[in-house]
Protein backbone atom coordinates (compact mmCIF):
# COMPACT_ATOMS: atom_id res chain seq x y z
CA MET A 1 -33.43 113.81 137.90
CA THR A 2 -35.54 111.52 139.21
CA MET A 3 -36.14 108.18 138.86
CA THR A 4 -39.33 105.53 140.21
CA GLY A 5 -40.59 102.63 139.99
CA GLU A 6 -36.81 99.92 138.86
CA GLN A 7 -37.34 96.80 137.51
CA SER A 8 -34.83 94.75 136.50
CA PHE A 9 -34.65 91.38 134.33
CA ALA A 10 -31.99 88.92 134.15
CA ALA A 11 -31.40 87.63 130.40
CA GLY A 12 -27.96 85.86 130.64
CA ASN A 13 -25.74 88.38 130.54
CA VAL A 14 -26.88 91.40 130.21
CA GLU A 15 -29.93 92.84 132.98
CA LEU A 16 -32.82 95.28 131.68
CA ARG A 17 -33.42 97.46 134.55
CA VAL A 18 -36.71 99.52 133.38
CA GLU A 19 -37.86 102.54 134.97
CA ASN A 20 -39.54 105.43 134.74
CA ARG A 21 -36.73 108.57 134.53
CA THR A 22 -37.67 112.47 134.46
CA LEU A 23 -35.42 115.18 133.88
CA GLY A 24 -36.84 118.82 134.05
CA GLU A 25 -39.92 119.34 131.94
CA ASP A 26 -39.13 116.36 130.16
CA GLY A 27 -40.02 112.19 131.04
CA GLY A 28 -40.83 108.90 130.54
CA PRO A 29 -40.69 105.10 130.23
CA ALA A 30 -36.26 104.04 130.12
CA VAL A 31 -34.52 100.02 129.46
CA GLU A 32 -30.93 100.53 131.15
CA VAL A 33 -28.58 97.79 129.80
CA PHE A 34 -26.00 96.06 131.86
CA ALA A 35 -23.48 94.35 131.52
CA ASP A 36 -20.65 92.70 134.03
CA VAL A 37 -17.77 94.34 132.95
CA ASP A 38 -14.28 92.58 134.02
CA GLY A 39 -16.45 91.79 137.16
CA ALA A 40 -18.49 94.43 137.50
CA PRO A 41 -21.82 95.65 137.01
CA VAL A 42 -21.30 98.99 133.68
CA GLN A 43 -25.41 100.00 132.28
CA VAL A 44 -23.34 99.94 128.57
CA LEU A 45 -26.21 101.58 127.05
CA ARG A 46 -29.68 103.48 127.63
CA PHE A 47 -32.76 104.09 125.92
CA ASP A 48 -34.74 107.31 127.30
CA CYS A 49 -38.30 107.45 125.36
CA PHE A 50 -38.61 110.78 126.49
CA GLN A 51 -41.60 112.59 126.13
CA ARG A 52 -40.60 115.64 124.46
CA ASP A 53 -36.38 114.36 123.29
CA PRO A 54 -36.20 110.61 123.04
CA HIS A 55 -33.10 109.56 122.67
CA TYR A 56 -30.54 106.52 123.10
CA HIS A 57 -26.74 106.59 124.58
CA TYR A 58 -24.14 103.78 123.88
CA ASP A 59 -22.47 103.61 127.52
CA PRO A 60 -24.01 106.52 129.49
CA SER A 61 -21.12 105.63 132.44
CA GLY A 62 -18.18 106.25 130.36
CA VAL A 63 -18.10 108.52 127.00
CA ASN A 64 -21.92 108.37 127.22
CA ASP A 65 -23.07 108.68 123.71
CA LYS A 66 -26.06 110.51 123.46
CA ARG A 67 -28.03 109.93 119.63
CA ASP A 68 -31.77 111.11 119.32
CA LEU A 69 -33.99 109.79 118.47
CA SER A 70 -35.75 112.33 115.09
CA PRO A 71 -40.18 111.76 115.47
CA ASP A 72 -40.33 111.75 112.33
CA GLN A 73 -37.81 109.44 112.04
CA VAL A 74 -39.11 107.19 115.21
CA PRO A 75 -43.09 107.73 116.39
CA ASP A 76 -42.73 105.39 118.73
CA PRO A 77 -39.73 105.77 121.29
CA ILE A 78 -41.00 102.38 123.08
CA ALA A 79 -41.72 99.72 119.54
CA TRP A 80 -38.70 101.22 118.17
CA THR A 81 -35.81 100.54 121.62
CA LEU A 82 -37.93 96.93 122.14
CA GLU A 83 -37.14 96.46 117.76
CA GLN A 84 -33.14 97.55 119.31
CA LEU A 85 -33.36 95.45 121.96
CA ARG A 86 -35.15 92.22 120.11
CA HIS A 87 -32.86 92.68 116.76
CA HIS A 88 -29.56 94.65 118.19
CA LEU A 89 -28.52 94.27 120.95
CA PRO A 90 -25.22 92.74 119.69
CA GLU A 91 -24.42 95.38 117.51
CA MET A 92 -25.47 97.77 119.52
CA ILE A 93 -23.45 96.96 123.00
CA ARG A 94 -20.35 96.07 120.59
CA THR A 95 -20.72 99.56 119.72
CA ALA A 96 -20.76 100.83 122.90
CA GLY A 97 -17.67 98.85 123.14
CA PHE A 98 -18.16 95.72 125.28
CA GLU A 99 -17.07 93.62 123.01
CA SER A 100 -16.10 90.22 125.43
CA THR A 101 -20.16 91.22 126.83
CA ALA A 102 -21.23 91.46 122.15
CA SER A 103 -20.51 88.50 121.61
CA ASN A 104 -22.26 86.61 124.41
CA VAL A 105 -25.41 88.73 124.32
CA ASP A 106 -28.73 85.02 123.95
CA GLN A 107 -30.70 87.08 122.23
CA THR A 108 -33.30 84.00 122.97
CA ALA A 109 -32.81 85.22 126.48
CA VAL A 110 -33.84 89.14 126.02
CA ALA A 111 -36.20 88.73 123.49
CA GLY A 112 -38.06 85.93 126.71
CA VAL A 113 -38.57 89.31 128.72
CA LEU A 114 -38.93 91.67 126.45
CA PRO A 115 -43.33 91.43 126.31
CA GLU A 116 -43.21 92.31 130.08
CA VAL A 117 -40.03 94.94 129.45
CA GLU A 118 -42.88 96.37 127.35
CA SER A 119 -45.83 96.27 129.66
CA ILE A 120 -44.09 98.52 132.21
CA MET A 121 -42.35 100.85 129.73
CA ARG A 122 -46.33 101.49 127.97
CA GLY A 123 -48.27 101.04 131.85
CA THR A 124 -49.89 98.23 130.93
CA ASP A 125 -48.40 96.54 133.46
CA SER A 126 -50.87 94.85 136.83
């Protein structure tokens, strides 16, 4: 697996890290969601907007519960990811098993960095 060009965005108690990932013959933009858990940064979610196999992970560093995105139901994985980050991040972090982190998510701070996150994911940043 290769990763290129990671950029980080602090958004309240979470950090969004955006990069391009390549895994075998597949790849694309990814967003890793990190939070402080017991004094250490932990990746609580990851969204892999791959060309062939878009998917996301709950607790990728721990239980690594991977969920596939069906192209029929999610034709634009980047738009879907941004929607989850904008409106459903606390619930997703809670599902990943990080209740105290989920309770402290600042959705306004997260929404504030999403335009730049989208620009990087779509390759339109300057």
